[in-house]
């Protein structure tokens, strides 16, 4: 997936909730919390979207932990 492709509505929602949480609390959310915020009950679906966002360079993690997620750019 190239960084030039548009985000899906779900991916946009995920990036938005991560951004809001980091601004308000200084850290990201857990996979389960992200799912609750964007209406996904399956953590595997959330992980799939997060992996795609990370592949595109939009987010990054320290030690593969989602609460350590950072937005790039």
C-alpha atoms as a PDB file:
ATOM      1  CA  UNK A   1       0.000   0.000   0.000  1.00  0.00           C
ATOM      2  CA  UNK A   2       1.546   3.299  -0.982  1.00  0.00           C
ATOM      3  CA  UNK A   3       1.413   6.407   1.153  1.00  0.00           C
ATOM      4  CA  UNK A   4      -0.334   8.234  -1.704  1.00  0.00           C
ATOM      5  CA  UNK A   5      -3.533   6.196  -1.409  1.00  0.00           C
ATOM      6  CA  UNK A   6      -6.538   7.639   0.387  1.00  0.00           C
ATOM      7  CA  UNK A   7      -7.485   6.377   3.808  1.00  0.00           C
ATOM      8  CA  UNK A   8     -10.665   4.408   4.257  1.00  0.00           C
ATOM      9  CA  UNK A   9     -13.317   6.040   6.453  1.00  0.00           C
ATOM     10  CA  UNK A  10     -12.482   3.528   9.199  1.00  0.00           C
ATOM     11  CA  UNK A  11      -8.769   4.343   9.001  1.00  0.00           C
ATOM     12  CA  UNK A  12      -9.551   8.059   9.134  1.00  0.00           C
ATOM     13  CA  UNK A  13     -11.627   7.447  12.269  1.00  0.00           C
ATOM     14  CA  UNK A  14      -8.801   5.455  13.856  1.00  0.00           C
ATOM     15  CA  UNK A  15      -6.245   8.187  13.152  1.00  0.00           C
ATOM     16  CA  UNK A  16      -8.672  10.785  14.543  1.00  0.00           C
ATOM     17  CA  UNK A  17      -9.264   8.944  17.833  1.00  0.00           C
ATOM     18  CA  UNK A  18      -5.548   8.293  18.276  1.00  0.00           C
ATOM     19  CA  UNK A  19      -4.793  11.984  17.670  1.00  0.00           C
ATOM     20  CA  UNK A  20      -7.496  13.134  20.095  1.00  0.00           C
ATOM     21  CA  UNK A  21      -6.343  10.730  22.811  1.00  0.00           C
ATOM     22  CA  UNK A  22      -2.695  11.731  22.478  1.00  0.00           C
ATOM     23  CA  UNK A  23      -3.597  15.430  22.641  1.00  0.00           C
ATOM     24  CA  UNK A  24      -5.818  14.936  25.700  1.00  0.00           C
ATOM     25  CA  UNK A  25      -3.852  12.289  27.621  1.00  0.00           C
ATOM     26  CA  UNK A  26      -0.353  12.125  26.139  1.00  0.00           C
ATOM     27  CA  UNK A  27      -0.619   8.462  25.143  1.00  0.00           C
ATOM     28  CA  UNK A  28      -2.421   6.267  22.635  1.00  0.00           C
ATOM     29  CA  UNK A  29      -5.227   3.803  23.245  1.00  0.00           C
ATOM     30  CA  UNK A  30      -5.266   0.038  23.538  1.00  0.00           C
ATOM     31  CA  UNK A  31      -6.501  -1.969  20.560  1.00  0.00           C
ATOM     32  CA  UNK A  32      -9.741  -2.695  22.424  1.00  0.00           C
ATOM     33  CA  UNK A  33     -10.269   0.997  23.245  1.00  0.00           C
ATOM     34  CA  UNK A  34      -9.706   1.979  19.619  1.00  0.00           C
ATOM     35  CA  UNK A  35     -12.266  -0.628  18.561  1.00  0.00           C
ATOM     36  CA  UNK A  36     -14.825   0.730  21.021  1.00  0.00           C
ATOM     37  CA  UNK A  37     -14.284   4.269  19.729  1.00  0.00           C
ATOM     38  CA  UNK A  38     -14.688   3.376  16.036  1.00  0.00           C
ATOM     39  CA  UNK A  39     -17.339   0.661  16.328  1.00  0.00           C
ATOM     40  CA  UNK A  40     -15.235  -2.476  15.799  1.00  0.00           C
ATOM     41  CA  UNK A  41     -15.743  -5.302  18.277  1.00  0.00           C
ATOM     42  CA  UNK A  42     -13.054  -7.580  16.819  1.00  0.00           C
ATOM     43  CA  UNK A  43      -9.564  -6.627  17.993  1.00  0.00           C
ATOM     44  CA  UNK A  44      -8.171  -8.462  14.967  1.00  0.00           C
ATOM     45  CA  UNK A  45      -9.938  -5.977  12.678  1.00  0.00           C
ATOM     46  CA  UNK A  46      -8.510  -3.067  14.639  1.00  0.00           C
ATOM     47  CA  UNK A  47      -5.022  -4.610  14.489  1.00  0.00           C
ATOM     48  CA  UNK A  48      -5.383  -5.054  10.721  1.00  0.00           C
ATOM     49  CA  UNK A  49      -6.151  -1.349  10.216  1.00  0.00           C
ATOM     50  CA  UNK A  50      -3.374  -0.306  12.588  1.00  0.00           C
ATOM     51  CA  UNK A  51      -0.883  -2.487  10.725  1.00  0.00           C
ATOM     52  CA  UNK A  52      -1.911  -0.895   7.405  1.00  0.00           C
ATOM     53  CA  UNK A  53      -1.526   2.597   8.900  1.00  0.00           C
ATOM     54  CA  UNK A  54       1.886   1.664  10.247  1.00  0.00           C
ATOM     55  CA  UNK A  55       2.950   0.232   6.863  1.00  0.00           C
ATOM     56  CA  UNK A  56       2.013   3.547   5.251  1.00  0.00           C
ATOM     57  CA  UNK A  57       4.119   5.435   7.789  1.00  0.00           C
ATOM     58  CA  UNK A  58       1.166   7.301   9.319  1.00  0.00           C
ATOM     59  CA  UNK A  59       1.672   5.829  12.776  1.00  0.00           C
ATOM     60  CA  UNK A  60       4.542   4.149  14.588  1.00  0.00           C
ATOM     61  CA  UNK A  61       4.882   2.200  17.812  1.00  0.00           C
ATOM     62  CA  UNK A  62       7.587   1.616  20.368  1.00  0.00           C
ATOM     63  CA  UNK A  63       8.095  -2.017  21.330  1.00  0.00           C
ATOM     64  CA  UNK A  64       4.998  -2.983  19.248  1.00  0.00           C
ATOM     65  CA  UNK A  65       2.738  -1.556  21.981  1.00  0.00           C
ATOM     66  CA  UNK A  66      -0.315   0.426  20.847  1.00  0.00           C
ATOM     67  CA  UNK A  67      -0.364   2.740  23.848  1.00  0.00           C
ATOM     68  CA  UNK A  68       3.058   3.912  22.699  1.00  0.00           C
ATOM     69  CA  UNK A  69       1.618   4.762  19.266  1.00  0.00           C
ATOM     70  CA  UNK A  70       2.748   8.029  17.694  1.00  0.00           C
ATOM     71  CA  UNK A  71       1.337   9.872  14.702  1.00  0.00           C
ATOM     72  CA  UNK A  72       3.906  10.616  12.008  1.00  0.00           C
ATOM     73  CA  UNK A  73       3.286  13.920  10.328  1.00  0.00           C
END
